Amino acid sequence: METFNMKLKAIYKYTAERSEEMNIEPNQNLKLLYRENSWLKVENNLGESGFVPLNYVEFQKTKVKAKFRFIARDISELTISPNEILLVINQEGEEWLRVENQNNEKGMVPVRYVEEIPSWDYYRETAVGEFAGRDWYYGSLSREQAIACLGEGDVGDFLIRDRGQDGYSISILSSSRKVIHLKIYRGPLGRVTIGDERQETFESIHNLISNFAVDYIHEDRKTKEKTFLVKAFGAKN
């Protein structure tokens, strides 16, 4: 049977009073094994486990990706589709998770139908290639993951990700909180463009980013809403 363990962080120091309890320190990372009323059985990074009070820890946001389609059988469950990104709200025993989708719909899904995905920082920190280490480069992050990622950000947040073997794409959160995806093309002389009707070319992706911080990178044809690059996703203002 597949299992899933929610991540927790200790809020307060707790000193064990019984043999089945364990000591925890503020900001200590833990994982949930199971819950018994107002007590949680947790495990620390050393593999030590024990009970701690529920109100001494906080649940960490955990993202999962649906592996298979699941059709809800009643109002307590949630229908999900393959590759859909979900946020885990709570763990109900070992076999069920309560999750929330990008439409803010909540419900239960089986643990075996989803898989945990790394934090967004993981993609940036493990990216390789010519832009490795740049705060805006997220390597193999998928289009669907970029939508979920930027949905947690601020208007104007952007990131650049791989587009298979065909170059790069830039994803930006517009003022209407819609994620816009644009392909970045590189010409034979190394100059880059996003290939819109303006056909502007730039010496490098760095120059492209600098330009579209002061000039709009996208204009909605219907609303005339203009989108600018404000900051890399996750970067501080």
C-alpha atoms as a PDB file:
ATOM      1  CA  MET A   1       0.000   0.000   0.000  1.00  0.00           C
ATOM      2  CA  GLU A   2       1.316   3.454  -0.931  1.00  0.00           C
ATOM      3  CA  THR A   3       1.652   5.936   1.912  1.00  0.00           C
ATOM      4  CA  PHE A   4       1.833   9.701   2.168  1.00  0.00           C
ATOM      5  CA  ASN A   5       3.198  11.732   5.047  1.00  0.00           C
ATOM      6  CA  MET A   6       2.307  15.396   5.417  1.00  0.00           C
ATOM      7  CA  LYS A   7       5.092  17.766   6.361  1.00  0.00           C
ATOM      8  CA  LEU A   8       4.865  19.682   9.623  1.00  0.00           C
ATOM      9  CA  LYS A   9       6.872  22.397  11.317  1.00  0.00           C
ATOM     10  CA  ALA A  10       7.060  22.830  15.087  1.00  0.00           C
ATOM     11  CA  ILE A  11       5.757  26.183  16.320  1.00  0.00           C
ATOM     12  CA  TYR A  12       6.721  25.805  19.983  1.00  0.00           C
ATOM     13  CA  LYS A  13       9.140  23.805  22.085  1.00  0.00           C
ATOM     14  CA  TYR A  14       7.566  20.716  23.623  1.00  0.00           C
ATOM     15  CA  THR A  15       9.154  18.501  26.268  1.00  0.00           C
ATOM     16  CA  ALA A  16       7.928  14.922  26.400  1.00  0.00           C
ATOM     17  CA  GLU A  17       6.097  13.985  29.590  1.00  0.00           C
ATOM     18  CA  ARG A  18       5.511  10.314  28.761  1.00  0.00           C
ATOM     19  CA  SER A  19       7.596   7.622  27.078  1.00  0.00           C
ATOM     20  CA  GLU A  20       5.432   7.613  23.925  1.00  0.00           C
ATOM     21  CA  GLU A  21       5.893  11.369  23.415  1.00  0.00           C
ATOM     22  CA  MET A  22       8.896  13.164  21.917  1.00  0.00           C
ATOM     23  CA  ASN A  23      10.727  16.457  22.340  1.00  0.00           C
ATOM     24  CA  ILE A  24      10.480  19.046  19.581  1.00  0.00           C
ATOM     25  CA  GLU A  25      12.054  22.472  19.052  1.00  0.00           C
ATOM     26  CA  PRO A  26      10.623  25.554  17.290  1.00  0.00           C
ATOM     27  CA  ASN A  27      11.022  25.452  13.470  1.00  0.00           C
ATOM     28  CA  GLN A  28      11.919  21.752  13.542  1.00  0.00           C
ATOM     29  CA  ASN A  29      10.754  19.893  10.421  1.00  0.00           C
ATOM     30  CA  LEU A  30       8.636  16.807  11.029  1.00  0.00           C
ATOM     31  CA  LYS A  31       6.431  14.437   9.092  1.00  0.00           C
ATOM     32  CA  LEU A  32       3.024  13.203  10.167  1.00  0.00           C
ATOM     33  CA  LEU A  33       2.602   9.468  10.683  1.00  0.00           C
ATOM     34  CA  TYR A  34      -0.972   9.533  11.974  1.00  0.00           C
ATOM     35  CA  ARG A  35      -3.355  11.434  14.224  1.00  0.00           C
ATOM     36  CA  GLU A  36      -5.105  10.438  17.429  1.00  0.00           C
ATOM     37  CA  ASN A  37      -7.632  13.107  18.429  1.00  0.00           C
ATOM     38  CA  SER A  38      -5.605  16.160  19.567  1.00  0.00           C
ATOM     39  CA  TRP A  39      -2.263  14.332  19.351  1.00  0.00           C
ATOM     40  CA  LEU A  40      -0.069  13.642  16.344  1.00  0.00           C
ATOM     41  CA  LYS A  41       2.389  10.800  15.900  1.00  0.00           C
ATOM     42  CA  VAL A  42       5.335  12.438  14.119  1.00  0.00           C
ATOM     43  CA  GLU A  43       8.816  11.543  12.946  1.00  0.00           C
ATOM     44  CA  ASN A  44      11.889  13.787  12.861  1.00  0.00           C
ATOM     45  CA  ASN A  45      14.802  13.818  10.416  1.00  0.00           C
ATOM     46  CA  LEU A  46      16.683  11.281  12.551  1.00  0.00           C
ATOM     47  CA  GLY A  47      13.904   8.731  12.237  1.00  0.00           C
ATOM     48  CA  GLU A  48      12.801   9.213  15.856  1.00  0.00           C
ATOM     49  CA  SER A  49       9.042   9.177  16.376  1.00  0.00           C
ATOM     50  CA  GLY A  50       6.559  10.009  19.095  1.00  0.00           C
ATOM     51  CA  PHE A  51       3.427  11.958  19.966  1.00  0.00           C
ATOM     52  CA  VAL A  52       3.211  15.759  20.163  1.00  0.00           C
ATOM     53  CA  PRO A  53       0.194  18.034  20.787  1.00  0.00           C
ATOM     54  CA  LEU A  54      -1.651  19.128  17.648  1.00  0.00           C
ATOM     55  CA  ASN A  55      -1.464  22.826  18.577  1.00  0.00           C
ATOM     56  CA  TYR A  56       2.350  22.750  18.835  1.00  0.00           C
ATOM     57  CA  VAL A  57       2.859  22.258  15.099  1.00  0.00           C
ATOM     58  CA  GLU A  58       1.609  23.682  11.816  1.00  0.00           C
ATOM     59  CA  PHE A  59       0.892  21.856   8.580  1.00  0.00           C
ATOM     60  CA  GLN A  60       3.119  22.765   5.644  1.00  0.00           C
ATOM     61  CA  LYS A  61       1.651  23.293   2.194  1.00  0.00           C
ATOM     62  CA  THR A  62       2.311  20.167   0.164  1.00  0.00           C
ATOM     63  CA  LYS A  63       1.692  19.960  -3.567  1.00  0.00           C
ATOM     64  CA  VAL A  64       0.847  16.748  -5.362  1.00  0.00           C
ATOM     65  CA  LYS A  65       0.221  15.802  -8.973  1.00  0.00           C
ATOM     66  CA  ALA A  66      -2.566  13.453  -9.995  1.00  0.00           C
ATOM     67  CA  LYS A  67      -1.219  10.243 -11.556  1.00  0.00           C
ATOM     68  CA  PHE A  68      -4.593   8.855 -12.616  1.00  0.00           C
ATOM     69  CA  ARG A  69      -8.138  10.050 -13.163  1.00  0.00           C
ATOM     70  CA  PHE A  70     -10.367   9.642 -10.117  1.00  0.00           C
ATOM     71  CA  ILE A  71     -14.138  10.175 -10.282  1.00  0.00           C
ATOM     72  CA  ALA A  72     -15.832  11.330  -7.093  1.00  0.00           C
ATOM     73  CA  ARG A  73     -18.518   8.972  -5.838  1.00  0.00           C
ATOM     74  CA  ASP A  74     -20.118  11.391  -3.370  1.00  0.00           C
ATOM     75  CA  ILE A  75     -19.889  15.033  -2.264  1.00  0.00           C
ATOM     76  CA  SER A  76     -17.021  14.314   0.139  1.00  0.00           C
ATOM     77  CA  GLU A  77     -14.715  13.289  -2.733  1.00  0.00           C
ATOM     78  CA  LEU A  78     -13.153  15.286  -5.573  1.00  0.00           C
ATOM     79  CA  THR A  79     -12.827  14.334  -9.240  1.00  0.00           C
ATOM     80  CA  ILE A  80      -9.256  14.766 -10.493  1.00  0.00           C
ATOM     81  CA  SER A  81      -7.520  14.350 -13.860  1.00  0.00           C
ATOM     82  CA  PRO A  82      -3.987  13.125 -14.698  1.00  0.00           C
ATOM     83  CA  ASN A  83      -1.245  15.764 -14.210  1.00  0.00           C
ATOM     84  CA  GLU A  84      -3.589  18.076 -12.287  1.00  0.00           C
ATOM     85  CA  ILE A  85      -1.757  20.003  -9.542  1.00  0.00           C
ATOM     86  CA  LEU A  86      -3.411  19.846  -6.118  1.00  0.00           C
ATOM     87  CA  LEU A  87      -2.735  21.255  -2.665  1.00  0.00           C
ATOM     88  CA  VAL A  88      -2.969  18.836   0.248  1.00  0.00           C
ATOM     89  CA  ILE A  89      -5.071  20.241   3.089  1.00  0.00           C
ATOM     90  CA  ASN A  90      -5.082  17.266   5.414  1.00  0.00           C
ATOM     91  CA  GLN A  91      -4.367  13.582   5.612  1.00  0.00           C
ATOM     92  CA  GLU A  92      -7.188  11.235   6.592  1.00  0.00           C
ATOM     93  CA  GLY A  93      -5.572   8.008   7.720  1.00  0.00           C
ATOM     94  CA  GLU A  94      -3.061   6.309   5.438  1.00  0.00           C
ATOM     95  CA  GLU A  95      -5.228   5.921   2.341  1.00  0.00           C
ATOM     96  CA  TRP A  96      -6.982   9.269   1.784  1.00  0.00           C
ATOM     97  CA  LEU A  97      -5.997  12.913   1.368  1.00  0.00           C
ATOM     98  CA  ARG A  98      -8.174  16.002   1.510  1.00  0.00           C
ATOM     99  CA  VAL A  99      -7.023  18.242  -1.342  1.00  0.00           C
ATOM    100  CA  GLU A 100      -7.877  21.511  -3.069  1.00  0.00           C
ATOM    101  CA  ASN A 101      -7.677  22.116  -6.813  1.00  0.00           C
ATOM    102  CA  GLN A 102      -6.913  25.351  -8.668  1.00  0.00           C
ATOM    103  CA  ASN A 103     -10.637  26.211  -8.734  1.00  0.00           C
ATOM    104  CA  ASN A 104     -10.691  26.145  -4.907  1.00  0.00           C
ATOM    105  CA  GLU A 105     -12.783  22.959  -4.942  1.00  0.00           C
ATOM    106  CA  LYS A 106     -12.022  20.608  -2.050  1.00  0.00           C
ATOM    107  CA  GLY A 107     -12.545  16.912  -1.466  1.00  0.00           C
ATOM    108  CA  MET A 108     -11.037  13.534  -0.701  1.00  0.00           C
ATOM    109  CA  VAL A 109      -8.858  11.524  -3.106  1.00  0.00           C
ATOM    110  CA  PRO A 110      -7.001   8.220  -2.618  1.00  0.00           C
ATOM    111  CA  VAL A 111      -3.297   8.481  -1.779  1.00  0.00           C
ATOM    112  CA  ARG A 112      -2.383   6.036  -4.553  1.00  0.00           C
ATOM    113  CA  TYR A 113      -3.853   8.367  -7.199  1.00  0.00           C
ATOM    114  CA  VAL A 114      -1.368  11.179  -6.557  1.00  0.00           C
ATOM    115  CA  GLU A 115       2.362  11.716  -6.199  1.00  0.00           C
ATOM    116  CA  GLU A 116       4.206  14.392  -4.288  1.00  0.00           C
ATOM    117  CA  ILE A 117       5.999  16.990  -6.375  1.00  0.00           C
ATOM    118  CA  PRO A 118       9.071  18.880  -5.194  1.00  0.00           C
ATOM    119  CA  SER A 119       8.836  22.453  -3.982  1.00  0.00           C
ATOM    120  CA  TRP A 120       9.126  25.053  -6.734  1.00  0.00           C
ATOM    121  CA  ASP A 121      12.580  25.975  -5.399  1.00  0.00           C
ATOM    122  CA  TYR A 122      13.735  22.458  -6.220  1.00  0.00           C
ATOM    123  CA  TYR A 123      13.333  23.102  -9.952  1.00  0.00           C
ATOM    124  CA  ARG A 124      15.340  26.317  -9.789  1.00  0.00           C
ATOM    125  CA  GLU A 125      18.051  24.897  -7.533  1.00  0.00           C
ATOM    126  CA  THR A 126      18.579  21.748  -9.627  1.00  0.00           C
ATOM    127  CA  ALA A 127      18.291  23.345 -13.078  1.00  0.00           C
ATOM    128  CA  VAL A 128      21.329  22.835 -15.310  1.00  0.00           C
ATOM    129  CA  GLY A 129      22.572  24.498 -18.475  1.00  0.00           C
ATOM    130  CA  GLU A 130      23.501  28.015 -19.489  1.00  0.00           C
ATOM    131  CA  PHE A 131      21.060  29.704 -17.090  1.00  0.00           C
ATOM    132  CA  ALA A 132      21.601  27.489 -14.039  1.00  0.00           C
ATOM    133  CA  GLY A 133      21.600  29.570 -10.869  1.00  0.00           C
ATOM    134  CA  ARG A 134      19.513  32.425 -12.287  1.00  0.00           C
ATOM    135  CA  ASP A 135      16.594  33.251 -10.005  1.00  0.00           C
ATOM    136  CA  TRP A 136      14.167  33.202 -12.955  1.00  0.00           C
ATOM    137  CA  TYR A 137      15.239  29.879 -14.511  1.00  0.00           C
ATOM    138  CA  TYR A 138      13.186  26.835 -13.490  1.00  0.00           C
ATOM    139  CA  GLY A 139      14.563  24.245 -15.899  1.00  0.00           C
ATOM    140  CA  SER A 140      12.226  21.294 -16.475  1.00  0.00           C
ATOM    141  CA  LEU A 141       9.164  22.850 -14.794  1.00  0.00           C
ATOM    142  CA  SER A 142       6.145  21.951 -16.950  1.00  0.00           C
ATOM    143  CA  ARG A 143       3.502  24.307 -18.337  1.00  0.00           C
ATOM    144  CA  GLU A 144       0.912  22.990 -15.847  1.00  0.00           C
ATOM    145  CA  GLN A 145       3.356  23.386 -12.969  1.00  0.00           C
ATOM    146  CA  ALA A 146       4.197  26.934 -14.087  1.00  0.00           C
ATOM    147  CA  ILE A 147       0.500  27.821 -13.854  1.00  0.00           C
ATOM    148  CA  ALA A 148       0.273  26.437 -10.321  1.00  0.00           C
ATOM    149  CA  CYS A 149       3.592  27.995  -9.336  1.00  0.00           C
ATOM    150  CA  LEU A 150       2.829  31.524 -10.549  1.00  0.00           C
ATOM    151  CA  GLY A 151      -0.678  31.280  -9.121  1.00  0.00           C
ATOM    152  CA  GLU A 152       0.996  31.614  -5.722  1.00  0.00           C
ATOM    153  CA  GLY A 153       2.900  34.728  -6.768  1.00  0.00           C
ATOM    154  CA  ASP A 154       2.368  38.423  -7.419  1.00  0.00           C
ATOM    155  CA  VAL A 155       1.216  40.181 -10.585  1.00  0.00           C
ATOM    156  CA  GLY A 156       4.179  40.534 -12.943  1.00  0.00           C
ATOM    157  CA  ASP A 157       6.039  37.547 -11.521  1.00  0.00           C
ATOM    158  CA  PHE A 158       7.700  35.501 -14.246  1.00  0.00           C
ATOM    159  CA  LEU A 159       9.896  32.488 -14.821  1.00  0.00           C
ATOM    160  CA  ILE A 160      11.688  30.890 -17.753  1.00  0.00           C
ATOM    161  CA  ARG A 161      11.561  27.144 -18.315  1.00  0.00           C
ATOM    162  CA  ASP A 162      12.712  24.572 -20.836  1.00  0.00           C
ATOM    163  CA  ARG A 163      10.576  23.918 -23.908  1.00  0.00           C
ATOM    164  CA  GLY A 164      11.762  20.408 -24.688  1.00  0.00           C
ATOM    165  CA  GLN A 165      14.621  20.489 -27.185  1.00  0.00           C
ATOM    166  CA  ASP A 166      13.103  23.526 -28.834  1.00  0.00           C
ATOM    167  CA  GLY A 167      14.423  26.313 -26.612  1.00  0.00           C
ATOM    168  CA  TYR A 168      12.664  28.124 -23.779  1.00  0.00           C
ATOM    169  CA  SER A 169       9.312  29.559 -22.740  1.00  0.00           C
ATOM    170  CA  ILE A 170       8.590  32.483 -20.459  1.00  0.00           C
ATOM    171  CA  SER A 171       5.522  32.364 -18.193  1.00  0.00           C
ATOM    172  CA  ILE A 172       4.126  35.547 -16.604  1.00  0.00           C
ATOM    173  CA  LEU A 173       1.281  36.285 -14.168  1.00  0.00           C
ATOM    174  CA  SER A 174      -0.907  39.050 -15.635  1.00  0.00           C
ATOM    175  CA  SER A 175      -2.914  41.629 -13.668  1.00  0.00           C
ATOM    176  CA  SER A 176      -6.037  39.490 -14.208  1.00  0.00           C
ATOM    177  CA  ARG A 177      -4.030  36.649 -12.581  1.00  0.00           C
ATOM    178  CA  LYS A 178      -4.009  34.657 -15.789  1.00  0.00           C
ATOM    179  CA  VAL A 179      -0.708  32.946 -16.591  1.00  0.00           C
ATOM    180  CA  ILE A 180       0.589  33.881 -20.040  1.00  0.00           C
ATOM    181  CA  HIS A 181       3.063  31.612 -21.850  1.00  0.00           C
ATOM    182  CA  LEU A 182       5.285  32.900 -24.656  1.00  0.00           C
ATOM    183  CA  LYS A 183       7.891  31.041 -26.671  1.00  0.00           C
ATOM    184  CA  ILE A 184      11.406  32.437 -26.784  1.00  0.00           C
ATOM    185  CA  TYR A 185      13.071  32.002 -30.162  1.00  0.00           C
ATOM    186  CA  ARG A 186      16.803  32.187 -30.829  1.00  0.00           C
ATOM    187  CA  GLY A 187      17.969  33.147 -34.302  1.00  0.00           C
ATOM    188  CA  PRO A 188      21.056  31.943 -36.202  1.00  0.00           C
ATOM    189  CA  LEU A 189      23.121  34.866 -34.885  1.00  0.00           C
ATOM    190  CA  GLY A 190      22.130  34.131 -31.295  1.00  0.00           C
ATOM    191  CA  ARG A 191      19.659  37.000 -30.943  1.00  0.00           C
ATOM    192  CA  VAL A 192      16.398  36.188 -29.161  1.00  0.00           C
ATOM    193  CA  THR A 193      12.774  37.222 -29.603  1.00  0.00           C
ATOM    194  CA  ILE A 194       9.364  36.263 -28.266  1.00  0.00           C
ATOM    195  CA  GLY A 195       8.090  36.251 -31.833  1.00  0.00           C
ATOM    196  CA  ASP A 196       5.153  38.625 -31.392  1.00  0.00           C
ATOM    197  CA  GLU A 197       3.933  41.071 -34.023  1.00  0.00           C
ATOM    198  CA  ARG A 198       6.546  43.644 -32.988  1.00  0.00           C
ATOM    199  CA  GLN A 199       9.355  41.264 -33.984  1.00  0.00           C
ATOM    200  CA  GLU A 200      11.812  42.869 -31.562  1.00  0.00           C
ATOM    201  CA  THR A 201      15.079  40.995 -31.164  1.00  0.00           C
ATOM    202  CA  PHE A 202      17.562  41.170 -28.311  1.00  0.00           C
ATOM    203  CA  GLU A 203      21.199  40.317 -27.847  1.00  0.00           C
ATOM    204  CA  SER A 204      20.406  37.909 -25.010  1.00  0.00           C
ATOM    205  CA  ILE A 205      17.635  36.670 -22.739  1.00  0.00           C
ATOM    206  CA  HIS A 206      19.021  38.996 -20.066  1.00  0.00           C
ATOM    207  CA  ASN A 207      18.435  41.962 -22.392  1.00  0.00           C
ATOM    208  CA  LEU A 208      14.963  40.661 -23.228  1.00  0.00           C
ATOM    209  CA  ILE A 209      14.064  40.575 -19.513  1.00  0.00           C
ATOM    210  CA  SER A 210      15.419  44.089 -18.934  1.00  0.00           C
ATOM    211  CA  ASN A 211      13.479  45.470 -21.905  1.00  0.00           C
ATOM    212  CA  PHE A 212      10.137  44.002 -20.889  1.00  0.00           C
ATOM    213  CA  ALA A 213      10.477  45.365 -17.378  1.00  0.00           C
ATOM    214  CA  VAL A 214       9.840  48.840 -18.873  1.00  0.00           C
ATOM    215  CA  ASP A 215       7.938  47.898 -22.036  1.00  0.00           C
ATOM    216  CA  TYR A 216       4.978  45.525 -22.058  1.00  0.00           C
ATOM    217  CA  ILE A 217       5.689  41.939 -23.057  1.00  0.00           C
ATOM    218  CA  HIS A 218       2.070  41.075 -23.842  1.00  0.00           C
ATOM    219  CA  GLU A 219      -1.146  42.932 -24.656  1.00  0.00           C
ATOM    220  CA  ASP A 220      -4.532  41.245 -24.493  1.00  0.00           C
ATOM    221  CA  ARG A 221      -6.285  41.793 -27.817  1.00  0.00           C
ATOM    222  CA  LYS A 222      -9.731  42.135 -26.239  1.00  0.00           C
ATOM    223  CA  THR A 223      -9.106  43.993 -22.984  1.00  0.00           C
ATOM    224  CA  LYS A 224      -5.901  45.799 -24.077  1.00  0.00           C
ATOM    225  CA  GLU A 225      -4.421  44.774 -20.730  1.00  0.00           C
ATOM    226  CA  LYS A 226      -0.634  45.138 -20.828  1.00  0.00           C
ATOM    227  CA  THR A 227       1.643  42.789 -18.915  1.00  0.00           C
ATOM    228  CA  PHE A 228       5.161  43.726 -17.777  1.00  0.00           C
ATOM    229  CA  LEU A 229       7.929  41.692 -16.163  1.00  0.00           C
ATOM    230  CA  VAL A 230       8.135  42.867 -12.542  1.00  0.00           C
ATOM    231  CA  LYS A 231      10.283  40.265 -10.796  1.00  0.00           C
ATOM    232  CA  ALA A 232      11.324  36.646 -10.939  1.00  0.00           C
ATOM    233  CA  PHE A 233       8.881  34.376  -9.123  1.00  0.00           C
ATOM    234  CA  GLY A 234       9.908  33.959  -5.488  1.00  0.00           C
ATOM    235  CA  ALA A 235      12.320  36.895  -5.543  1.00  0.00           C
ATOM    236  CA  LYS A 236      11.888  39.645  -2.970  1.00  0.00           C
ATOM    237  CA  ASN A 237      10.738  43.076  -4.096  1.00  0.00           C
END
